């Protein structure tokens, strides 16, 4: 999901076709101080990409008058312009650790057999306020996946607290 969002976001910021964007796997060779994806939401990756895109767009601006993307890049490269840019984004700290927040609720209707302990989920309604979405399909998948993961923990994991 993160790669799809970053690809679409970069294409939009640079006004190019998404097929021109390549997202490489995060590793210390390409991203020396990368955080695990479970620690940074996709929007953080898009914010970092936006910082890099703005740097790159500013460098390409003199070459991008009426030229297509490919010609502008070739002209800038020929002129010795640095066509590499990076960006780093961290959410500002707030009283609740990070100011990044989404709001939502879930209501589940379940049947519990009190004799056997069997649980059957009859219906689930999820409601999330995500603000401006980059890719609704990815967001829906993340929300559903998070719910199913939590449901799995609740129904099959034994939580022990010391």
C-alpha atoms as a PDB file:
ATOM      1  CA  UNK A   1       0.000   0.000   0.000  1.00  0.00           C
ATOM      2  CA  UNK A   2       2.740   2.485   0.876  1.00  0.00           C
ATOM      3  CA  UNK A   3       4.511   2.053  -2.478  1.00  0.00           C
ATOM      4  CA  UNK A   4       1.281   2.656  -4.409  1.00  0.00           C
ATOM      5  CA  UNK A   5       0.515   5.812  -2.427  1.00  0.00           C
ATOM      6  CA  UNK A   6       4.044   7.206  -2.770  1.00  0.00           C
ATOM      7  CA  UNK A   7       4.082   6.464  -6.515  1.00  0.00           C
ATOM      8  CA  UNK A   8       0.764   8.234  -7.084  1.00  0.00           C
ATOM      9  CA  UNK A   9       1.728  11.136  -4.832  1.00  0.00           C
ATOM     10  CA  UNK A  10       5.102  11.721  -6.524  1.00  0.00           C
ATOM     11  CA  UNK A  11       3.489  11.555  -9.972  1.00  0.00           C
ATOM     12  CA  UNK A  12       0.949  14.171  -8.919  1.00  0.00           C
ATOM     13  CA  UNK A  13       3.523  16.520  -7.327  1.00  0.00           C
ATOM     14  CA  UNK A  14       5.873  16.347 -10.341  1.00  0.00           C
ATOM     15  CA  UNK A  15       3.003  16.357 -12.890  1.00  0.00           C
ATOM     16  CA  UNK A  16       4.259  13.201 -14.573  1.00  0.00           C
ATOM     17  CA  UNK A  17       2.792   9.806 -15.426  1.00  0.00           C
ATOM     18  CA  UNK A  18       2.918   7.333 -12.520  1.00  0.00           C
ATOM     19  CA  UNK A  19       4.646   4.839 -14.850  1.00  0.00           C
ATOM     20  CA  UNK A  20       7.691   7.152 -14.685  1.00  0.00           C
ATOM     21  CA  UNK A  21       7.986   6.689 -10.901  1.00  0.00           C
ATOM     22  CA  UNK A  22       9.905   3.782  -9.383  1.00  0.00           C
ATOM     23  CA  UNK A  23       9.740   3.030  -5.668  1.00  0.00           C
ATOM     24  CA  UNK A  24      12.599   0.837  -4.475  1.00  0.00           C
ATOM     25  CA  UNK A  25      12.510  -1.334  -1.357  1.00  0.00           C
ATOM     26  CA  UNK A  26      13.705   0.414   1.767  1.00  0.00           C
ATOM     27  CA  UNK A  27      17.135  -0.758   2.886  1.00  0.00           C
ATOM     28  CA  UNK A  28      20.234   0.878   4.334  1.00  0.00           C
ATOM     29  CA  UNK A  29      21.723   1.245   0.837  1.00  0.00           C
ATOM     30  CA  UNK A  30      18.859   3.463  -0.351  1.00  0.00           C
ATOM     31  CA  UNK A  31      17.446   4.817   2.909  1.00  0.00           C
ATOM     32  CA  UNK A  32      20.102   4.976   5.625  1.00  0.00           C
ATOM     33  CA  UNK A  33      17.822   6.036   8.495  1.00  0.00           C
ATOM     34  CA  UNK A  34      14.626   4.315   7.480  1.00  0.00           C
ATOM     35  CA  UNK A  35      12.038   3.521  10.118  1.00  0.00           C
ATOM     36  CA  UNK A  36      10.007   0.356   9.992  1.00  0.00           C
ATOM     37  CA  UNK A  37       6.804   0.871   8.016  1.00  0.00           C
ATOM     38  CA  UNK A  38       4.679  -0.001  11.024  1.00  0.00           C
ATOM     39  CA  UNK A  39       6.142   3.051  12.769  1.00  0.00           C
ATOM     40  CA  UNK A  40       5.524   5.522   9.958  1.00  0.00           C
ATOM     41  CA  UNK A  41       2.214   5.812   8.138  1.00  0.00           C
ATOM     42  CA  UNK A  42       2.160   6.061   4.353  1.00  0.00           C
ATOM     43  CA  UNK A  43       1.389   9.750   4.666  1.00  0.00           C
ATOM     44  CA  UNK A  44       4.786  10.278   6.340  1.00  0.00           C
ATOM     45  CA  UNK A  45       6.468   8.617   3.366  1.00  0.00           C
ATOM     46  CA  UNK A  46       4.466  10.879   1.032  1.00  0.00           C
ATOM     47  CA  UNK A  47       5.452  13.952   3.062  1.00  0.00           C
ATOM     48  CA  UNK A  48       9.131  12.985   2.793  1.00  0.00           C
ATOM     49  CA  UNK A  49       8.707  12.331  -0.940  1.00  0.00           C
ATOM     50  CA  UNK A  50       7.044  15.749  -1.281  1.00  0.00           C
ATOM     51  CA  UNK A  51      10.069  17.445   0.279  1.00  0.00           C
ATOM     52  CA  UNK A  52      12.350  15.650  -2.190  1.00  0.00           C
ATOM     53  CA  UNK A  53      10.024  16.389  -5.120  1.00  0.00           C
ATOM     54  CA  UNK A  54       9.942  20.111  -4.352  1.00  0.00           C
ATOM     55  CA  UNK A  55      13.755  20.201  -4.384  1.00  0.00           C
ATOM     56  CA  UNK A  56      13.868  18.316  -7.676  1.00  0.00           C
ATOM     57  CA  UNK A  57      11.086  20.381  -9.262  1.00  0.00           C
ATOM     58  CA  UNK A  58      12.909  23.612  -8.377  1.00  0.00           C
ATOM     59  CA  UNK A  59      16.090  22.336 -10.054  1.00  0.00           C
ATOM     60  CA  UNK A  60      14.154  21.258 -13.158  1.00  0.00           C
ATOM     61  CA  UNK A  61      12.017  24.406 -13.407  1.00  0.00           C
ATOM     62  CA  UNK A  62      14.346  26.293 -15.803  1.00  0.00           C
ATOM     63  CA  UNK A  63      14.323  23.318 -18.187  1.00  0.00           C
ATOM     64  CA  UNK A  64      10.622  22.482 -18.000  1.00  0.00           C
ATOM     65  CA  UNK A  65       9.117  25.446 -19.832  1.00  0.00           C
ATOM     66  CA  UNK A  66       7.226  23.719 -22.670  1.00  0.00           C
ATOM     67  CA  UNK A  67       9.244  20.510 -22.779  1.00  0.00           C
ATOM     68  CA  UNK A  68       7.956  17.084 -21.859  1.00  0.00           C
ATOM     69  CA  UNK A  69       9.393  15.522 -18.679  1.00  0.00           C
ATOM     70  CA  UNK A  70      11.971  13.365 -20.484  1.00  0.00           C
ATOM     71  CA  UNK A  71      13.407  16.274 -22.474  1.00  0.00           C
ATOM     72  CA  UNK A  72      13.564  18.515 -19.414  1.00  0.00           C
ATOM     73  CA  UNK A  73      15.445  15.823 -17.471  1.00  0.00           C
ATOM     74  CA  UNK A  74      17.888  15.261 -20.363  1.00  0.00           C
ATOM     75  CA  UNK A  75      18.523  18.992 -20.706  1.00  0.00           C
ATOM     76  CA  UNK A  76      19.069  19.416 -16.974  1.00  0.00           C
ATOM     77  CA  UNK A  77      21.391  16.406 -16.868  1.00  0.00           C
ATOM     78  CA  UNK A  78      23.383  17.753 -19.808  1.00  0.00           C
ATOM     79  CA  UNK A  79      23.682  21.082 -17.954  1.00  0.00           C
ATOM     80  CA  UNK A  80      25.122  19.283 -14.917  1.00  0.00           C
ATOM     81  CA  UNK A  81      22.107  19.734 -12.647  1.00  0.00           C
ATOM     82  CA  UNK A  82      21.961  17.388  -9.655  1.00  0.00           C
ATOM     83  CA  UNK A  83      18.923  15.205 -10.314  1.00  0.00           C
ATOM     84  CA  UNK A  84      19.027  13.494  -6.938  1.00  0.00           C
ATOM     85  CA  UNK A  85      16.961  14.795  -4.048  1.00  0.00           C
ATOM     86  CA  UNK A  86      16.064  13.461  -0.643  1.00  0.00           C
ATOM     87  CA  UNK A  87      13.471  14.295   1.945  1.00  0.00           C
ATOM     88  CA  UNK A  88      12.952  13.462   5.588  1.00  0.00           C
ATOM     89  CA  UNK A  89       9.739  14.042   7.484  1.00  0.00           C
ATOM     90  CA  UNK A  90       8.941  13.598  11.141  1.00  0.00           C
ATOM     91  CA  UNK A  91       5.604  14.355  12.708  1.00  0.00           C
ATOM     92  CA  UNK A  92       5.771  17.137  15.267  1.00  0.00           C
ATOM     93  CA  UNK A  93       5.648  15.833  18.815  1.00  0.00           C
ATOM     94  CA  UNK A  94       2.523  16.606  20.787  1.00  0.00           C
ATOM     95  CA  UNK A  95       1.138  15.709  24.178  1.00  0.00           C
ATOM     96  CA  UNK A  96      -0.025  12.390  22.745  1.00  0.00           C
ATOM     97  CA  UNK A  97       3.463  11.484  21.396  1.00  0.00           C
ATOM     98  CA  UNK A  98       2.650  12.221  17.740  1.00  0.00           C
ATOM     99  CA  UNK A  99       0.169  14.698  16.355  1.00  0.00           C
ATOM    100  CA  UNK A 100      -0.711  12.335  13.484  1.00  0.00           C
ATOM    101  CA  UNK A 101      -4.138  10.916  14.143  1.00  0.00           C
ATOM    102  CA  UNK A 102      -7.057   9.332  12.399  1.00  0.00           C
ATOM    103  CA  UNK A 103     -10.404   8.850  14.005  1.00  0.00           C
ATOM    104  CA  UNK A 104     -12.722   5.940  13.646  1.00  0.00           C
ATOM    105  CA  UNK A 105     -15.035   3.492  15.270  1.00  0.00           C
ATOM    106  CA  UNK A 106     -16.048  -0.110  14.787  1.00  0.00           C
ATOM    107  CA  UNK A 107     -19.221  -1.914  15.781  1.00  0.00           C
ATOM    108  CA  UNK A 108     -19.382  -5.689  15.599  1.00  0.00           C
ATOM    109  CA  UNK A 109     -22.333  -7.991  15.978  1.00  0.00           C
ATOM    110  CA  UNK A 110     -21.229 -11.420  17.201  1.00  0.00           C
ATOM    111  CA  UNK A 111     -22.871 -14.626  18.330  1.00  0.00           C
ATOM    112  CA  UNK A 112     -21.274 -16.416  21.269  1.00  0.00           C
ATOM    113  CA  UNK A 113     -22.159 -19.993  22.139  1.00  0.00           C
ATOM    114  CA  UNK A 114     -21.940 -19.944  25.928  1.00  0.00           C
ATOM    115  CA  UNK A 115     -21.639 -23.732  26.092  1.00  0.00           C
ATOM    116  CA  UNK A 116     -18.789 -24.230  23.602  1.00  0.00           C
ATOM    117  CA  UNK A 117     -17.222 -20.769  23.534  1.00  0.00           C
ATOM    118  CA  UNK A 118     -17.538 -20.635  19.752  1.00  0.00           C
ATOM    119  CA  UNK A 119     -17.698 -17.092  18.419  1.00  0.00           C
ATOM    120  CA  UNK A 120     -19.200 -16.150  15.064  1.00  0.00           C
ATOM    121  CA  UNK A 121     -18.902 -12.627  13.694  1.00  0.00           C
ATOM    122  CA  UNK A 122     -22.223 -11.759  12.086  1.00  0.00           C
ATOM    123  CA  UNK A 123     -21.590  -8.189  10.985  1.00  0.00           C
ATOM    124  CA  UNK A 124     -18.983  -5.465  11.254  1.00  0.00           C
ATOM    125  CA  UNK A 125     -19.322  -1.767  10.509  1.00  0.00           C
ATOM    126  CA  UNK A 126     -16.151   0.348  10.331  1.00  0.00           C
ATOM    127  CA  UNK A 127     -16.146   4.114  10.074  1.00  0.00           C
ATOM    128  CA  UNK A 128     -12.939   6.114   9.622  1.00  0.00           C
ATOM    129  CA  UNK A 129     -12.261   9.803   9.067  1.00  0.00           C
ATOM    130  CA  UNK A 130      -9.087   9.873   6.993  1.00  0.00           C
ATOM    131  CA  UNK A 131      -9.206  13.402   5.659  1.00  0.00           C
ATOM    132  CA  UNK A 132      -7.893  13.854   2.107  1.00  0.00           C
ATOM    133  CA  UNK A 133      -7.137  10.415   0.696  1.00  0.00           C
ATOM    134  CA  UNK A 134      -4.409   9.662  -1.797  1.00  0.00           C
ATOM    135  CA  UNK A 135      -5.771   6.223  -2.687  1.00  0.00           C
ATOM    136  CA  UNK A 136      -9.069   5.107  -1.161  1.00  0.00           C
ATOM    137  CA  UNK A 137      -8.621   1.462  -2.180  1.00  0.00           C
ATOM    138  CA  UNK A 138      -5.321   1.203  -0.292  1.00  0.00           C
ATOM    139  CA  UNK A 139      -6.841   2.916   2.738  1.00  0.00           C
ATOM    140  CA  UNK A 140      -9.811   0.541   2.768  1.00  0.00           C
ATOM    141  CA  UNK A 141      -7.449  -2.434   2.548  1.00  0.00           C
ATOM    142  CA  UNK A 142      -5.360  -1.107   5.447  1.00  0.00           C
ATOM    143  CA  UNK A 143      -8.441  -0.498   7.594  1.00  0.00           C
ATOM    144  CA  UNK A 144      -9.913  -3.916   6.874  1.00  0.00           C
ATOM    145  CA  UNK A 145      -6.561  -5.606   7.400  1.00  0.00           C
ATOM    146  CA  UNK A 146      -6.053  -3.830  10.718  1.00  0.00           C
ATOM    147  CA  UNK A 147      -9.478  -4.871  11.900  1.00  0.00           C
ATOM    148  CA  UNK A 148      -8.977  -8.506  10.900  1.00  0.00           C
ATOM    149  CA  UNK A 149      -5.570  -8.521  12.603  1.00  0.00           C
ATOM    150  CA  UNK A 150      -7.088  -7.130  15.813  1.00  0.00           C
ATOM    151  CA  UNK A 151      -9.943  -9.622  15.577  1.00  0.00           C
ATOM    152  CA  UNK A 152      -7.418 -12.433  15.236  1.00  0.00           C
ATOM    153  CA  UNK A 153      -5.530 -11.246  18.315  1.00  0.00           C
ATOM    154  CA  UNK A 154      -8.755 -10.994  20.267  1.00  0.00           C
ATOM    155  CA  UNK A 155     -10.116 -14.412  19.300  1.00  0.00           C
ATOM    156  CA  UNK A 156      -6.953 -16.510  19.180  1.00  0.00           C
ATOM    157  CA  UNK A 157      -4.222 -14.902  21.275  1.00  0.00           C
ATOM    158  CA  UNK A 158      -3.830 -15.268  24.996  1.00  0.00           C
ATOM    159  CA  UNK A 159      -2.803 -11.975  26.552  1.00  0.00           C
ATOM    160  CA  UNK A 160      -0.772 -12.374  29.715  1.00  0.00           C
ATOM    161  CA  UNK A 161      -0.038  -9.334  31.848  1.00  0.00           C
ATOM    162  CA  UNK A 162       2.535  -9.405  34.622  1.00  0.00           C
END
